[in-house]
PDB file of N, CA and C in Angstrom:
ATOM      1  N   MET A   1       5.788  -6.366 -19.982  1.00  0.00           N
ATOM      2  CA  MET A   1       4.630  -5.492 -20.075  1.00  0.00           C
ATOM      3  C   MET A   1       5.107  -4.125 -20.552  1.00  0.00           C
ATOM      4  N   GLN A   2       4.418  -3.597 -21.480  1.00  0.00           N
ATOM      5  CA  GLN A   2       4.752  -2.287 -22.026  1.00  0.00           C
ATOM      6  C   GLN A   2       4.219  -1.182 -21.119  1.00  0.00           C
ATOM      7  N   LEU A   3       4.889  -0.055 -21.143  1.00  0.00           N
ATOM      8  CA  LEU A   3       4.491   1.086 -20.329  1.00  0.00           C
ATOM      9  C   LEU A   3       3.069   1.531 -20.666  1.00  0.00           C
ATOM     10  N   GLU A   4       2.721   1.508 -21.941  1.00  0.00           N
ATOM     11  CA  GLU A   4       1.377   1.936 -22.352  1.00  0.00           C
ATOM     12  C   GLU A   4       0.305   1.011 -21.753  1.00  0.00           C
ATOM     13  N   GLU A   5       0.598  -0.281 -21.713  1.00  0.00           N
ATOM     14  CA  GLU A   5      -0.351  -1.240 -21.140  1.00  0.00           C
ATOM     15  C   GLU A   5      -0.524  -0.998 -19.644  1.00  0.00           C
ATOM     16  N   LEU A   6       0.579  -0.729 -18.974  1.00  0.00           N
ATOM     17  CA  LEU A   6       0.518  -0.444 -17.539  1.00  0.00           C
ATOM     18  C   LEU A   6      -0.304   0.816 -17.280  1.00  0.00           C
ATOM     19  N   ILE A   7      -0.058   1.855 -18.050  1.00  0.00           N
ATOM     20  CA  ILE A   7      -0.802   3.102 -17.889  1.00  0.00           C
ATOM     21  C   ILE A   7      -2.290   2.871 -18.130  1.00  0.00           C
ATOM     22  N   ALA A   8      -2.623   2.090 -19.136  1.00  0.00           N
ATOM     23  CA  ALA A   8      -4.031   1.815 -19.431  1.00  0.00           C
ATOM     24  C   ALA A   8      -4.699   1.072 -18.281  1.00  0.00           C
ATOM     25  N   LYS A   9      -4.009   0.084 -17.721  1.00  0.00           N
ATOM     26  CA  LYS A   9      -4.593  -0.686 -16.618  1.00  0.00           C
ATOM     27  C   LYS A   9      -4.775   0.175 -15.378  1.00  0.00           C
ATOM     28  N   VAL A  10      -3.778   0.978 -15.052  1.00  0.00           N
ATOM     29  CA  VAL A  10      -3.872   1.825 -13.864  1.00  0.00           C
ATOM     30  C   VAL A  10      -4.946   2.880 -14.046  1.00  0.00           C
ATOM     31  N   SER A  11      -5.095   3.412 -15.242  1.00  0.00           N
ATOM     32  CA  SER A  11      -6.098   4.464 -15.469  1.00  0.00           C
ATOM     33  C   SER A  11      -7.527   3.944 -15.314  1.00  0.00           C
ATOM     34  N   ARG A  12      -7.728   2.632 -15.421  1.00  0.00           N
ATOM     35  CA  ARG A  12      -9.070   2.057 -15.250  1.00  0.00           C
ATOM     36  C   ARG A  12      -9.418   1.828 -13.773  1.00  0.00           C
ATOM     37  N   LEU A  13      -8.438   1.972 -12.890  1.00  0.00           N
ATOM     38  CA  LEU A  13      -8.683   1.766 -11.453  1.00  0.00           C
ATOM     39  C   LEU A  13      -9.321   3.004 -10.841  1.00  0.00           C
ATOM     40  N   PRO A  14     -10.045   2.825  -9.727  1.00  0.00           N
ATOM     41  CA  PRO A  14     -10.566   3.993  -9.005  1.00  0.00           C
ATOM     42  C   PRO A  14      -9.393   4.852  -8.502  1.00  0.00           C
ATOM     43  N   GLU A  15      -9.659   6.114  -8.262  1.00  0.00           N
ATOM     44  CA  GLU A  15      -8.599   7.054  -7.890  1.00  0.00           C
ATOM     45  C   GLU A  15      -7.825   6.615  -6.646  1.00  0.00           C
ATOM     46  N   PHE A  16      -8.526   6.095  -5.635  1.00  0.00           N
ATOM     47  CA  PHE A  16      -7.815   5.700  -4.416  1.00  0.00           C
ATOM     48  C   PHE A  16      -6.912   4.500  -4.668  1.00  0.00           C
ATOM     49  N   ARG A  17      -7.242   3.637  -5.616  1.00  0.00           N
ATOM     50  CA  ARG A  17      -6.368   2.514  -5.976  1.00  0.00           C
ATOM     51  C   ARG A  17      -5.182   3.004  -6.810  1.00  0.00           C
ATOM     52  N   GLN A  18      -5.411   4.024  -7.646  1.00  0.00           N
ATOM     53  CA  GLN A  18      -4.306   4.609  -8.388  1.00  0.00           C
ATOM     54  C   GLN A  18      -3.270   5.186  -7.437  1.00  0.00           C
ATOM     55  N   GLN A  19      -3.747   5.814  -6.360  1.00  0.00           N
ATOM     56  CA  GLN A  19      -2.828   6.363  -5.355  1.00  0.00           C
ATOM     57  C   GLN A  19      -2.050   5.234  -4.688  1.00  0.00           C
ATOM     58  N   GLU A  20      -2.687   4.111  -4.443  1.00  0.00           N
ATOM     59  CA  GLU A  20      -2.024   2.958  -3.857  1.00  0.00           C
ATOM     60  C   GLU A  20      -0.916   2.436  -4.778  1.00  0.00           C
ATOM     61  N   VAL A  21      -1.202   2.387  -6.088  1.00  0.00           N
ATOM     62  CA  VAL A  21      -0.200   1.961  -7.063  1.00  0.00           C
ATOM     63  C   VAL A  21       0.974   2.938  -7.045  1.00  0.00           C
ATOM     64  N   LEU A  22       0.683   4.230  -7.016  1.00  0.00           N
ATOM     65  CA  LEU A  22       1.738   5.239  -6.982  1.00  0.00           C
ATOM     66  C   LEU A  22       2.598   5.092  -5.735  1.00  0.00           C
ATOM     67  N   ASP A  23       1.970   4.862  -4.593  1.00  0.00           N
ATOM     68  CA  ASP A  23       2.720   4.673  -3.349  1.00  0.00           C
ATOM     69  C   ASP A  23       3.629   3.451  -3.433  1.00  0.00           C
ATOM     70  N   PHE A  24       3.128   2.378  -4.038  1.00  0.00           N
ATOM     71  CA  PHE A  24       3.929   1.169  -4.164  1.00  0.00           C
ATOM     72  C   PHE A  24       5.107   1.384  -5.114  1.00  0.00           C
ATOM     73  N   VAL A  25       4.864   2.077  -6.216  1.00  0.00           N
ATOM     74  CA  VAL A  25       5.944   2.368  -7.160  1.00  0.00           C
ATOM     75  C   VAL A  25       6.999   3.251  -6.494  1.00  0.00           C
ATOM     76  N   THR A  26       6.563   4.214  -5.698  1.00  0.00           N
ATOM     77  CA  THR A  26       7.498   5.063  -4.960  1.00  0.00           C
ATOM     78  C   THR A  26       8.326   4.229  -3.994  1.00  0.00           C
ATOM     79  N   PHE A  27       7.680   3.300  -3.315  1.00  0.00           N
ATOM     80  CA  PHE A  27       8.402   2.398  -2.417  1.00  0.00           C
ATOM     81  C   PHE A  27       9.447   1.590  -3.193  1.00  0.00           C
ATOM     82  N   LEU A  28       9.062   1.019  -4.336  1.00  0.00           N
ATOM     83  CA  LEU A  28      10.007   0.232  -5.142  1.00  0.00           C
ATOM     84  C   LEU A  28      11.161   1.094  -5.636  1.00  0.00           C
ATOM     85  N   GLU A  29      10.831   2.308  -6.032  1.00  0.00           N
ATOM     86  CA  GLU A  29      11.870   3.219  -6.512  1.00  0.00           C
ATOM     87  C   GLU A  29      12.866   3.540  -5.399  1.00  0.00           C
ATOM     88  N   GLN A  30      12.354   3.777  -4.202  1.00  0.00           N
ATOM     89  CA  GLN A  30      13.239   4.063  -3.073  1.00  0.00           C
ATOM     90  C   GLN A  30      14.061   2.838  -2.704  1.00  0.00           C
ATOM     91  N   ARG A  31      13.457   1.700  -2.786  1.00  0.00           N
ATOM     92  CA  ARG A  31      14.117   0.464  -2.375  1.00  0.00           C
ATOM     93  C   ARG A  31      15.139  -0.017  -3.395  1.00  0.00           C
ATOM     94  N   TYR A  32      14.788   0.025  -4.682  1.00  0.00           N
ATOM     95  CA  TYR A  32      15.626  -0.581  -5.705  1.00  0.00           C
ATOM     96  C   TYR A  32      16.109   0.388  -6.784  1.00  0.00           C
ATOM     97  N   GLY A  33      15.623   1.627  -6.733  1.00  0.00           N
ATOM     98  CA  GLY A  33      15.976   2.582  -7.775  1.00  0.00           C
ATOM     99  C   GLY A  33      17.457   2.940  -7.743  1.00  0.00           C
ATOM    100  N   HIS A  34      17.857   3.683  -8.735  1.00  0.00           N
ATOM    101  CA  HIS A  34      19.251   4.109  -8.814  1.00  0.00           C
ATOM    102  C   HIS A  34      19.490   5.186  -7.779  1.00  0.00           C
ATOM    103  N   ALA A  35      20.502   4.966  -6.957  1.00  0.00           N
ATOM    104  CA  ALA A  35      20.831   5.927  -5.911  1.00  0.00           C
ATOM    105  C   ALA A  35      22.343   6.032  -5.810  1.00  0.00           C
ATOM    106  N   GLU A  36      22.760   7.153  -5.319  1.00  0.00           N
ATOM    107  CA  GLU A  36      24.191   7.341  -5.073  1.00  0.00           C
ATOM    108  C   GLU A  36      24.599   6.411  -3.935  1.00  0.00           C
ATOM    109  N   PRO A  37      25.848   5.956  -3.907  1.00  0.00           N
ATOM    110  CA  PRO A  37      26.283   5.034  -2.839  1.00  0.00           C
ATOM    111  C   PRO A  37      25.976   5.543  -1.435  1.00  0.00           C
ATOM    112  N   ALA A  38      26.088   6.834  -1.188  1.00  0.00           N
ATOM    113  CA  ALA A  38      25.780   7.361   0.139  1.00  0.00           C
ATOM    114  C   ALA A  38      24.299   7.222   0.472  1.00  0.00           C
ATOM    115  N   GLU A  39      23.442   7.267  -0.566  1.00  0.00           N
ATOM    116  CA  GLU A  39      21.999   7.173  -0.342  1.00  0.00           C
ATOM    117  C   GLU A  39      21.535   5.737  -0.132  1.00  0.00           C
ATOM    118  N   VAL A  40      22.298   4.763  -0.607  1.00  0.00           N
ATOM    119  CA  VAL A  40      21.886   3.366  -0.525  1.00  0.00           C
ATOM    120  C   VAL A  40      21.682   2.945   0.921  1.00  0.00           C
ATOM    121  N   GLU A  41      22.546   3.373   1.809  1.00  0.00           N
ATOM    122  CA  GLU A  41      22.403   3.009   3.222  1.00  0.00           C
ATOM    123  C   GLU A  41      21.103   3.558   3.792  1.00  0.00           C
ATOM    124  N   GLN A  42      20.679   4.737   3.360  1.00  0.00           N
ATOM    125  CA  GLN A  42      19.445   5.326   3.868  1.00  0.00           C
ATOM    126  C   GLN A  42      18.218   4.587   3.346  1.00  0.00           C
ATOM    127  N   LEU A  43      18.343   3.892   2.227  1.00  0.00           N
ATOM    128  CA  LEU A  43      17.202   3.204   1.643  1.00  0.00           C
ATOM    129  C   LEU A  43      16.926   1.862   2.301  1.00  0.00           C
ATOM    130  N   ASP A  44      17.880   1.316   3.029  1.00  0.00           N
ATOM    131  CA  ASP A  44      17.659   0.044   3.703  1.00  0.00           C
ATOM    132  C   ASP A  44      16.720   0.270   4.879  1.00  0.00           C
ATOM    133  N   TRP A  45      15.572  -0.339   4.798  1.00  0.00           N
ATOM    134  CA  TRP A  45      14.561  -0.166   5.830  1.00  0.00           C
ATOM    135  C   TRP A  45      14.802  -1.165   6.944  1.00  0.00           C
ATOM    136  N   SER A  46      14.560  -0.722   8.145  1.00  0.00           N
ATOM    137  CA  SER A  46      14.595  -1.656   9.261  1.00  0.00           C
ATOM    138  C   SER A  46      13.301  -2.470   9.237  1.00  0.00           C
ATOM    139  N   GLU A  47      13.303  -3.562   9.951  1.00  0.00           N
ATOM    140  CA  GLU A  47      12.088  -4.390  10.032  1.00  0.00           C
ATOM    141  C   GLU A  47      10.931  -3.569  10.596  1.00  0.00           C
ATOM    142  N   HIS A  48      11.222  -2.719  11.587  1.00  0.00           N
ATOM    143  CA  HIS A  48      10.188  -1.878  12.199  1.00  0.00           C
ATOM    144  C   HIS A  48       9.587  -0.919  11.169  1.00  0.00           C
ATOM    145  N   GLN A  49      10.438  -0.272  10.353  1.00  0.00           N
ATOM    146  CA  GLN A  49       9.941   0.663   9.346  1.00  0.00           C
ATOM    147  C   GLN A  49       9.089  -0.063   8.309  1.00  0.00           C
ATOM    148  N   PHE A  50       9.518  -1.245   7.895  1.00  0.00           N
ATOM    149  CA  PHE A  50       8.769  -1.993   6.896  1.00  0.00           C
ATOM    150  C   PHE A  50       7.414  -2.421   7.453  1.00  0.00           C
ATOM    151  N   ARG A  51       7.377  -2.896   8.695  1.00  0.00           N
ATOM    152  CA  ARG A  51       6.101  -3.296   9.291  1.00  0.00           C
ATOM    153  C   ARG A  51       5.159  -2.116   9.434  1.00  0.00           C
ATOM    154  N   ALA A  52       5.707  -0.963   9.833  1.00  0.00           N
ATOM    155  CA  ALA A  52       4.874   0.233   9.978  1.00  0.00           C
ATOM    156  C   ALA A  52       4.269   0.624   8.633  1.00  0.00           C
ATOM    157  N   MET A  53       5.074   0.567   7.561  1.00  0.00           N
ATOM    158  CA  MET A  53       4.574   0.891   6.234  1.00  0.00           C
ATOM    159  C   MET A  53       3.521  -0.129   5.807  1.00  0.00           C
ATOM    160  N   SER A  54       3.751  -1.398   6.096  1.00  0.00           N
ATOM    161  CA  SER A  54       2.802  -2.442   5.707  1.00  0.00           C
ATOM    162  C   SER A  54       1.460  -2.246   6.397  1.00  0.00           C
ATOM    163  N   ILE A  55       1.492  -1.964   7.678  1.00  0.00           N
ATOM    164  CA  ILE A  55       0.251  -1.742   8.429  1.00  0.00           C
ATOM    165  C   ILE A  55      -0.463  -0.509   7.905  1.00  0.00           C
ATOM    166  N   GLU A  56       0.303   0.535   7.640  1.00  0.00           N
ATOM    167  CA  GLU A  56      -0.285   1.765   7.117  1.00  0.00           C
ATOM    168  C   GLU A  56      -0.972   1.513   5.779  1.00  0.00           C
ATOM    169  N   GLN A  57      -0.339   0.747   4.910  1.00  0.00           N
ATOM    170  CA  GLN A  57      -0.924   0.434   3.612  1.00  0.00           C
ATOM    171  C   GLN A  57      -2.151  -0.466   3.756  1.00  0.00           C
ATOM    172  N   ALA A  58      -2.086  -1.418   4.661  1.00  0.00           N
ATOM    173  CA  ALA A  58      -3.204  -2.340   4.848  1.00  0.00           C
ATOM    174  C   ALA A  58      -4.436  -1.623   5.384  1.00  0.00           C
ATOM    175  N   MET A  59      -4.233  -0.608   6.214  1.00  0.00           N
ATOM    176  CA  MET A  59      -5.350   0.080   6.842  1.00  0.00           C
ATOM    177  C   MET A  59      -5.839   1.277   6.032  1.00  0.00           C
ATOM    178  N   ARG A  60      -5.180   1.576   4.901  1.00  0.00           N
ATOM    179  CA  ARG A  60      -5.584   2.714   4.085  1.00  0.00           C
ATOM    180  C   ARG A  60      -7.026   2.527   3.616  1.00  0.00           C
ATOM    181  N   ASP A  61      -7.793   3.571   3.720  1.00  0.00           N
ATOM    182  CA  ASP A  61      -9.186   3.601   3.267  1.00  0.00           C
ATOM    183  C   ASP A  61     -10.060   2.559   3.950  1.00  0.00           C
ATOM    184  N   GLU A  62      -9.645   2.118   5.113  1.00  0.00           N
ATOM    185  CA  GLU A  62     -10.418   1.119   5.850  1.00  0.00           C
ATOM    186  C   GLU A  62     -11.795   1.665   6.223  1.00  0.00           C
ATOM    187  N   GLU A  63     -11.858   2.990   6.459  1.00  0.00           N
ATOM    188  CA  GLU A  63     -13.142   3.594   6.821  1.00  0.00           C
ATOM    189  C   GLU A  63     -14.131   3.520   5.658  1.00  0.00           C
ATOM    190  N   ALA A  64     -13.623   3.483   4.429  1.00  0.00           N
ATOM    191  CA  ALA A  64     -14.495   3.458   3.259  1.00  0.00           C
ATOM    192  C   ALA A  64     -15.039   2.058   2.966  1.00  0.00           C
ATOM    193  N   GLU A  65     -14.483   1.046   3.621  1.00  0.00           N
ATOM    194  CA  GLU A  65     -14.932  -0.324   3.395  1.00  0.00           C
ATOM    195  C   GLU A  65     -16.317  -0.530   4.016  1.00  0.00           C
ATOM    196  N   PRO A  66     -17.184  -1.245   3.354  1.00  0.00           N
ATOM    197  CA  PRO A  66     -18.514  -1.494   3.933  1.00  0.00           C
ATOM    198  C   PRO A  66     -18.410  -2.480   5.100  1.00  0.00           C
ATOM    199  N   ASP A  67     -19.305  -2.321   6.057  1.00  0.00           N
ATOM    200  CA  ASP A  67     -19.358  -3.275   7.166  1.00  0.00           C
ATOM    201  C   ASP A  67     -19.958  -4.573   6.656  1.00  0.00           C
ATOM    202  N   LEU A  68     -19.201  -5.649   6.779  1.00  0.00           N
ATOM    203  CA  LEU A  68     -19.669  -6.929   6.279  1.00  0.00           C
ATOM    204  C   LEU A  68     -20.491  -7.691   7.307  1.00  0.00           C
ATOM    205  N   TYR A  69     -20.259  -7.392   8.585  1.00  0.00           N
ATOM    206  CA  TYR A  69     -20.945  -8.123   9.646  1.00  0.00           C
ATOM    207  C   TYR A  69     -21.540  -7.137  10.643  1.00  0.00           C
ATOM    208  N   SER A  70     -22.656  -7.514  11.203  1.00  0.00           N
ATOM    209  CA  SER A  70     -23.270  -6.708  12.263  1.00  0.00           C
ATOM    210  C   SER A  70     -23.072  -7.428  13.585  1.00  0.00           C
ATOM    211  N   GLU A  71     -23.488  -6.806  14.652  1.00  0.00           N
ATOM    212  CA  GLU A  71     -23.387  -7.457  15.962  1.00  0.00           C
ATOM    213  C   GLU A  71     -24.246  -8.715  16.018  1.00  0.00           C
ATOM    214  N   ASP A  72     -25.311  -8.754  15.234  1.00  0.00           N
ATOM    215  CA  ASP A  72     -26.171  -9.937  15.201  1.00  0.00           C
ATOM    216  C   ASP A  72     -25.442 -11.150  14.635  1.00  0.00           C
ATOM    217  N   ASP A  73     -24.395 -10.900  13.834  1.00  0.00           N
ATOM    218  CA  ASP A  73     -23.639 -11.998  13.244  1.00  0.00           C
ATOM    219  C   ASP A  73     -22.640 -12.627  14.224  1.00  0.00           C
ATOM    220  N   LEU A  74     -22.406 -11.960  15.322  1.00  0.00           N
ATOM    221  CA  LEU A  74     -21.426 -12.463  16.278  1.00  0.00           C
ATOM    222  C   LEU A  74     -22.004 -13.577  17.142  1.00  0.00           C
ATOM    223  N   ARG A  75     -21.212 -14.562  17.424  1.00  0.00           N
ATOM    224  CA  ARG A  75     -21.679 -15.632  18.303  1.00  0.00           C
ATOM    225  C   ARG A  75     -21.539 -15.211  19.760  1.00  0.00           C
ATOM    226  N   GLU A  76     -20.455 -14.515  20.065  1.00  0.00           N
ATOM    227  CA  GLU A  76     -20.251 -14.008  21.419  1.00  0.00           C
ATOM    228  C   GLU A  76     -20.086 -12.507  21.331  1.00  0.00           C
ATOM    229  N   ARG A  77     -20.576 -11.852  22.316  1.00  0.00           N
ATOM    230  CA  ARG A  77     -20.421 -10.397  22.355  1.00  0.00           C
ATOM    231  C   ARG A  77     -19.584 -10.082  23.578  1.00  0.00           C
ATOM    232  N   TRP A  78     -18.475  -9.404  23.328  1.00  0.00           N
ATOM    233  CA  TRP A  78     -17.557  -9.076  24.403  1.00  0.00           C
ATOM    234  C   TRP A  78     -18.039  -7.794  25.080  1.00  0.00           C
ATOM    235  N   GLN A  79     -18.052  -7.824  26.384  1.00  0.00           N
ATOM    236  CA  GLN A  79     -18.498  -6.668  27.171  1.00  0.00           C
ATOM    237  C   GLN A  79     -17.360  -5.701  27.384  1.00  0.00           C
TER     238      GLN A  79
END
């Protein structure tokens, strides 16, 4: 894929999705980018750090998502 094609595709996304792409590219750059040997050890994420980042990314803009179900859609209602 050419850089121009990537830029064109990303520019067609909504702004909050563009930010998500940027965050992912930053993650890839930190993980696999060129780093000095001393920096490589700092780039290795622990399982805890990776899970925290994954949850953070998954929950991003969750408030902006429309509610798909109402309480009427529930079969049981927890008290």
